[in-house]
């Protein structure tokens, strides 16, 4: 079976090239639109998906021996069409983009992959597939301005126009990028255009749900999130997105479904910990422990949730102790402010002033504006009360202005 011989990503690239008219492919091979992304099993002809016999018929003879390898076949086959030698370089931008995509899917910093992408960009500056890959790589590398511009080029030059596969993917990726950049209105425009092309795509529905939630359109957000989980009930990401736009009681159930589908989903466990803590569910402590083990042990949100649970149990000292030794105890404002709150509740007045000074240094204006000893009992601020200290020369000091009796 193909599944045992090759990873699906490798199969997608091999078959995409073989079936779209690359040199060496059979003239009678059925045409298939590979699109801008690797193919999935649903995209492959039934004969190819059934067993490896048909795939072997598509491979040039020198590379048949490489078929059983778990990876690398697609790169070798693409190299058959696109060599470093200028005389043997491909004239097809789709092949060049596919080769660069395969290399960069391994590591977005691969020098050979970046070199091939740069060469394709210089040779085909107006090719949609090349621009799309350019945007994906820039986004993965945190170069957001470059990514936004590249996605715009991909949309502008998609040969299929406003309803093309490249446009759909570029708009979906740009919507996510613009949401992260704090541009929800522009992101909504992109995701709406992508949904017009593929109305039931779960990923697009998830993104649209989050954007509507950020815009305060909670009814629309929940409707989109429910559509996403209905269309992809086995997708944990759909359930996580749904939980983000639901009230806590419903979100708890959605996140539970997400971690059942993917027990290693760190983001789902974190949100489950926070929601269970807010709801004061019996499972909250276990959920937060799992979130720490699977995700980031230094995540301030999880640490604060654990402190909340300890306080509800009546153990203020344990909650304060947890925050005192936590990563970020003196450098994360939310933790410092929580320590101030616990210090007041546990009468730890000695800690209050240094904690307020630390919060002020971290940018908390109320802590800067507060008097150093605000809230501390007067008897601790001035243990001698109204009585003079005996140094100022007051009436009780025993010190007179004259030298003699």
Foldseek 3Di string as FASTA:
>chain_A
DLVQQEPQQLVQLLVQCLQCDAPQHDPPRHHFDSFLGGDGLVRDDPVVSVDPPVVLVSAPDVLSVVRNPHDDSSLVRLCCQAPPPPVRHHPDLSSLLSNLCVVCVVPLPDPVSVVSLVVSCVVCVQALSSLQSQLVSCVVVVVLVSNLVSLVSNQVRPPVHLLDRSLLVSLLVVLVSCVVVVNLVSSLVSLVSSCVNVVQDLSSLLSNLVSCVVVVNLVSSLVSLVSSCVSPVLALSSLCSNLVSDPLVVNLVSLVSSCVSPVLPLVSLLVNLLSCLVVVPPCNVVSLVSSCVRHPVQPVSSLLSVLSNCVVVVNLVVSLVSLCPGVCSLPDLVSLVVNLVSCLVVVVQVVNLVSLVSNVVNPDVVSVPDDSRPSRDPCVVPVVPPDDPLPPPDPPNPDDPDPDD
